[in-house]
Amino acid sequence: MAKGYWITFYRSISDPDALAAYAKLAGPAITGNGGRFLARGAAAKTYEQGIAQRTTVIEFDSVERAIAAHDSPAYQEALEAMGNACERDVRIVEGLG
């Protein structure tokens, strides 16, 4: 079964305190559902039309596990804590192998 990858790009952050409250809840919600953080932080280097923005990459055993983590009550609580603190692009993609 191919792994699932949850990738988030933070386009803008307007309320760092609300984002911190989200992170406090989201981290345990994600890892508690089998997610493993592979990368998080500002882009080290961008190319072509890349945007230097905060990015996270989380690995799951499957796409289904990633979706279940996102839809879990614990993660939904984290989203509520974040509110409109930032504009993000969240994607879940299937790995190649």
N, C-alpha and C. Protein backbone atom coordinates (compact mmCIF):
# COMPACT_ATOMS: atom_id res chain seq x y z
N MET A 1 0.84 -1.18 0.00
CA MET A 1 0.00 0.00 0.00
C MET A 1 0.89 1.25 0.00
N ALA A 2 0.57 2.19 -0.86
CA ALA A 2 1.33 3.44 -0.96
C ALA A 2 1.08 4.32 0.25
N LYS A 3 2.11 5.02 0.64
CA LYS A 3 1.98 5.96 1.76
C LYS A 3 1.20 7.19 1.33
N GLY A 4 0.69 7.91 2.31
CA GLY A 4 0.00 9.17 2.07
C GLY A 4 0.83 10.31 2.62
N TYR A 5 0.83 11.42 1.93
CA TYR A 5 1.57 12.60 2.35
C TYR A 5 0.63 13.79 2.44
N TRP A 6 0.63 14.43 3.58
CA TRP A 6 -0.18 15.61 3.85
C TRP A 6 0.79 16.78 3.79
N ILE A 7 0.57 17.65 2.83
CA ILE A 7 1.48 18.77 2.59
C ILE A 7 0.69 20.07 2.76
N THR A 8 1.23 20.96 3.56
CA THR A 8 0.57 22.23 3.82
C THR A 8 1.52 23.38 3.49
N PHE A 9 1.00 24.35 2.72
CA PHE A 9 1.73 25.56 2.39
C PHE A 9 1.00 26.72 3.05
N TYR A 10 1.73 27.49 3.83
CA TYR A 10 1.15 28.64 4.54
C TYR A 10 1.37 29.88 3.69
N ARG A 11 0.32 30.37 3.05
CA ARG A 11 0.42 31.55 2.19
C ARG A 11 0.61 32.82 3.01
N SER A 12 -0.11 32.93 4.12
CA SER A 12 0.04 34.11 4.99
C SER A 12 -0.41 33.74 6.39
N ILE A 13 0.18 34.42 7.37
CA ILE A 13 -0.17 34.21 8.78
C ILE A 13 -0.50 35.58 9.37
N SER A 14 -1.74 35.73 9.80
CA SER A 14 -2.18 37.03 10.35
C SER A 14 -2.26 37.04 11.87
N ASP A 15 -2.30 35.86 12.49
CA ASP A 15 -2.42 35.78 13.95
C ASP A 15 -1.51 34.67 14.47
N PRO A 16 -0.24 34.98 14.75
CA PRO A 16 0.70 33.96 15.22
C PRO A 16 0.27 33.27 16.52
N ASP A 17 -0.44 33.98 17.39
CA ASP A 17 -0.87 33.37 18.66
C ASP A 17 -1.92 32.28 18.40
N ALA A 18 -2.86 32.54 17.51
CA ALA A 18 -3.88 31.53 17.18
C ALA A 18 -3.22 30.36 16.46
N LEU A 19 -2.22 30.63 15.63
CA LEU A 19 -1.52 29.55 14.95
C LEU A 19 -0.78 28.69 15.97
N ALA A 20 -0.21 29.30 16.99
CA ALA A 20 0.47 28.54 18.05
C ALA A 20 -0.53 27.68 18.82
N ALA A 21 -1.72 28.21 19.08
CA ALA A 21 -2.76 27.41 19.75
C ALA A 21 -3.16 26.23 18.90
N TYR A 22 -3.27 26.45 17.59
CA TYR A 22 -3.56 25.35 16.65
C TYR A 22 -2.46 24.29 16.72
N ALA A 23 -1.20 24.72 16.64
CA ALA A 23 -0.07 23.79 16.62
C ALA A 23 -0.03 22.93 17.88
N LYS A 24 -0.37 23.52 19.00
CA LYS A 24 -0.36 22.79 20.27
C LYS A 24 -1.34 21.62 20.25
N LEU A 25 -2.47 21.81 19.56
CA LEU A 25 -3.48 20.76 19.46
C LEU A 25 -3.26 19.87 18.24
N ALA A 26 -2.81 20.47 17.15
CA ALA A 26 -2.69 19.72 15.89
C ALA A 26 -1.59 18.67 15.93
N GLY A 27 -0.45 19.00 16.50
CA GLY A 27 0.67 18.05 16.54
C GLY A 27 0.26 16.71 17.16
N PRO A 28 -0.28 16.71 18.38
CA PRO A 28 -0.70 15.45 18.99
C PRO A 28 -1.84 14.77 18.22
N ALA A 29 -2.74 15.56 17.64
CA ALA A 29 -3.84 14.97 16.86
C ALA A 29 -3.30 14.23 15.64
N ILE A 30 -2.30 14.80 15.00
CA ILE A 30 -1.72 14.19 13.81
C ILE A 30 -0.87 12.98 14.18
N THR A 31 0.04 13.12 15.13
CA THR A 31 0.89 11.98 15.49
C THR A 31 0.07 10.87 16.14
N GLY A 32 -0.97 11.22 16.86
CA GLY A 32 -1.85 10.23 17.47
C GLY A 32 -2.62 9.41 16.45
N ASN A 33 -2.70 9.93 15.23
CA ASN A 33 -3.36 9.22 14.14
C ASN A 33 -2.35 8.63 13.16
N GLY A 34 -1.12 8.49 13.60
CA GLY A 34 -0.10 7.81 12.78
C GLY A 34 0.74 8.70 11.91
N GLY A 35 0.59 10.01 11.99
CA GLY A 35 1.38 10.91 11.15
C GLY A 35 2.79 11.09 11.68
N ARG A 36 3.73 11.22 10.75
CA ARG A 36 5.13 11.46 11.09
C ARG A 36 5.59 12.72 10.35
N PHE A 37 5.97 13.74 11.10
CA PHE A 37 6.43 14.98 10.48
C PHE A 37 7.79 14.74 9.83
N LEU A 38 7.87 14.99 8.53
CA LEU A 38 9.12 14.82 7.80
C LEU A 38 9.84 16.15 7.60
N ALA A 39 9.08 17.23 7.47
CA ALA A 39 9.68 18.56 7.28
C ALA A 39 8.68 19.60 7.73
N ARG A 40 9.20 20.68 8.30
CA ARG A 40 8.35 21.83 8.62
C ARG A 40 9.25 23.05 8.83
N GLY A 41 8.79 24.16 8.29
CA GLY A 41 9.53 25.41 8.43
C GLY A 41 9.50 26.19 7.13
N ALA A 42 10.27 27.26 7.12
CA ALA A 42 10.35 28.11 5.93
C ALA A 42 11.16 27.39 4.85
N ALA A 43 10.87 27.70 3.61
CA ALA A 43 11.60 27.10 2.49
C ALA A 43 13.08 27.46 2.59
N ALA A 44 13.95 26.47 2.45
CA ALA A 44 15.39 26.73 2.47
C ALA A 44 15.84 27.44 1.20
N LYS A 45 15.20 27.14 0.09
CA LYS A 45 15.52 27.74 -1.21
C LYS A 45 14.32 27.53 -2.12
N THR A 46 14.02 28.50 -2.95
CA THR A 46 12.94 28.35 -3.91
C THR A 46 13.49 28.48 -5.32
N TYR A 47 12.82 27.83 -6.27
CA TYR A 47 13.20 27.88 -7.68
C TYR A 47 11.97 28.14 -8.52
N GLU A 48 12.21 28.53 -9.75
CA GLU A 48 11.15 28.82 -10.72
C GLU A 48 10.18 29.83 -10.12
N GLN A 49 8.90 29.53 -10.00
CA GLN A 49 7.96 30.48 -9.40
C GLN A 49 7.67 30.15 -7.94
N GLY A 50 8.58 29.45 -7.27
CA GLY A 50 8.40 29.06 -5.89
C GLY A 50 8.26 30.26 -4.96
N ILE A 51 7.51 30.07 -3.90
CA ILE A 51 7.28 31.11 -2.91
C ILE A 51 7.92 30.67 -1.60
N ALA A 52 8.71 31.52 -1.01
CA ALA A 52 9.36 31.19 0.26
C ALA A 52 8.33 31.29 1.38
N GLN A 53 7.65 30.21 1.64
CA GLN A 53 6.60 30.19 2.66
C GLN A 53 6.77 28.98 3.56
N ARG A 54 6.18 29.06 4.72
CA ARG A 54 6.21 27.94 5.66
C ARG A 54 5.53 26.73 5.02
N THR A 55 6.13 25.56 5.18
CA THR A 55 5.62 24.34 4.58
C THR A 55 5.77 23.20 5.58
N THR A 56 4.79 22.29 5.61
CA THR A 56 4.93 21.08 6.41
C THR A 56 4.66 19.87 5.50
N VAL A 57 5.39 18.79 5.77
CA VAL A 57 5.20 17.53 5.07
C VAL A 57 5.06 16.45 6.14
N ILE A 58 3.94 15.73 6.09
CA ILE A 58 3.64 14.70 7.08
C ILE A 58 3.38 13.39 6.34
N GLU A 59 4.01 12.33 6.78
CA GLU A 59 3.85 11.01 6.15
C GLU A 59 2.89 10.14 6.97
N PHE A 60 2.04 9.42 6.27
CA PHE A 60 1.12 8.45 6.87
C PHE A 60 1.30 7.12 6.15
N ASP A 61 0.84 6.05 6.77
CA ASP A 61 0.95 4.73 6.15
C ASP A 61 0.09 4.59 4.90
N SER A 62 -0.91 5.46 4.75
CA SER A 62 -1.78 5.43 3.57
C SER A 62 -2.50 6.77 3.43
N VAL A 63 -3.05 7.00 2.25
CA VAL A 63 -3.88 8.19 2.03
C VAL A 63 -5.08 8.16 2.96
N GLU A 64 -5.66 6.99 3.13
CA GLU A 64 -6.84 6.85 3.99
C GLU A 64 -6.53 7.26 5.42
N ARG A 65 -5.34 6.91 5.92
CA ARG A 65 -4.95 7.30 7.29
C ARG A 65 -4.77 8.82 7.39
N ALA A 66 -4.23 9.43 6.34
CA ALA A 66 -4.06 10.88 6.34
C ALA A 66 -5.41 11.58 6.36
N ILE A 67 -6.34 11.11 5.55
CA ILE A 67 -7.68 11.70 5.51
C ILE A 67 -8.38 11.52 6.85
N ALA A 68 -8.25 10.34 7.43
CA ALA A 68 -8.88 10.07 8.73
C ALA A 68 -8.31 10.98 9.81
N ALA A 69 -7.00 11.24 9.75
CA ALA A 69 -6.39 12.15 10.73
C ALA A 69 -6.93 13.55 10.56
N HIS A 70 -7.04 14.00 9.33
CA HIS A 70 -7.58 15.35 9.07
C HIS A 70 -9.01 15.47 9.56
N ASP A 71 -9.79 14.45 9.34
CA ASP A 71 -11.22 14.49 9.68
C ASP A 71 -11.52 14.11 11.12
N SER A 72 -10.48 13.75 11.89
CA SER A 72 -10.68 13.32 13.27
C SER A 72 -11.19 14.47 14.14
N PRO A 73 -11.94 14.14 15.19
CA PRO A 73 -12.41 15.19 16.11
C PRO A 73 -11.27 16.01 16.72
N ALA A 74 -10.16 15.36 17.06
CA ALA A 74 -9.04 16.08 17.67
C ALA A 74 -8.46 17.11 16.71
N TYR A 75 -8.31 16.76 15.43
CA TYR A 75 -7.76 17.73 14.47
C TYR A 75 -8.78 18.82 14.17
N GLN A 76 -10.03 18.48 14.12
CA GLN A 76 -11.06 19.50 13.89
C GLN A 76 -11.08 20.53 15.02
N GLU A 77 -10.80 20.08 16.24
CA GLU A 77 -10.69 21.00 17.38
C GLU A 77 -9.51 21.95 17.17
N ALA A 78 -8.40 21.43 16.63
CA ALA A 78 -7.25 22.27 16.34
C ALA A 78 -7.59 23.33 15.30
N LEU A 79 -8.33 22.93 14.28
CA LEU A 79 -8.75 23.89 13.25
C LEU A 79 -9.61 24.99 13.83
N GLU A 80 -10.49 24.64 14.75
CA GLU A 80 -11.33 25.65 15.40
C GLU A 80 -10.47 26.64 16.18
N ALA A 81 -9.43 26.14 16.85
CA ALA A 81 -8.54 27.02 17.61
C ALA A 81 -7.79 27.98 16.69
N MET A 82 -7.48 27.54 15.48
CA MET A 82 -6.77 28.38 14.53
C MET A 82 -7.67 29.46 13.96
N GLY A 83 -8.93 29.12 13.73
CA GLY A 83 -9.85 30.10 13.15
C GLY A 83 -9.34 30.62 11.83
N ASN A 84 -9.30 31.94 11.68
CA ASN A 84 -8.84 32.59 10.45
C ASN A 84 -7.43 33.15 10.59
N ALA A 85 -6.60 32.47 11.38
CA ALA A 85 -5.26 32.98 11.67
C ALA A 85 -4.32 32.95 10.48
N CYS A 86 -4.64 32.16 9.48
CA CYS A 86 -3.75 32.08 8.33
C CYS A 86 -4.50 31.59 7.10
N GLU A 87 -3.86 31.79 5.96
CA GLU A 87 -4.37 31.27 4.70
C GLU A 87 -3.43 30.15 4.30
N ARG A 88 -3.99 28.94 4.08
CA ARG A 88 -3.16 27.77 3.79
C ARG A 88 -3.68 27.04 2.56
N ASP A 89 -2.80 26.23 2.01
CA ASP A 89 -3.13 25.31 0.93
C ASP A 89 -2.75 23.93 1.47
N VAL A 90 -3.75 23.08 1.70
CA VAL A 90 -3.53 21.76 2.28
C VAL A 90 -3.84 20.70 1.21
N ARG A 91 -2.91 19.77 1.03
CA ARG A 91 -3.10 18.70 0.05
C ARG A 91 -2.70 17.37 0.66
N ILE A 92 -3.42 16.34 0.29
CA ILE A 92 -3.04 14.97 0.65
C ILE A 92 -2.79 14.25 -0.67
N VAL A 93 -1.59 13.69 -0.82
CA VAL A 93 -1.23 13.00 -2.05
C VAL A 93 -0.74 11.60 -1.74
N GLU A 94 -0.89 10.73 -2.73
CA GLU A 94 -0.44 9.35 -2.60
C GLU A 94 1.02 9.23 -3.00
N GLY A 95 1.76 8.46 -2.21
CA GLY A 95 3.17 8.22 -2.53
C GLY A 95 3.31 7.30 -3.74
N LEU A 96 4.52 7.15 -4.21
CA LEU A 96 4.76 6.37 -5.41
C LEU A 96 4.94 4.88 -5.16
N GLY A 97 5.15 4.48 -3.96
CA GLY A 97 5.44 3.06 -3.78
C GLY A 97 4.70 2.49 -2.69
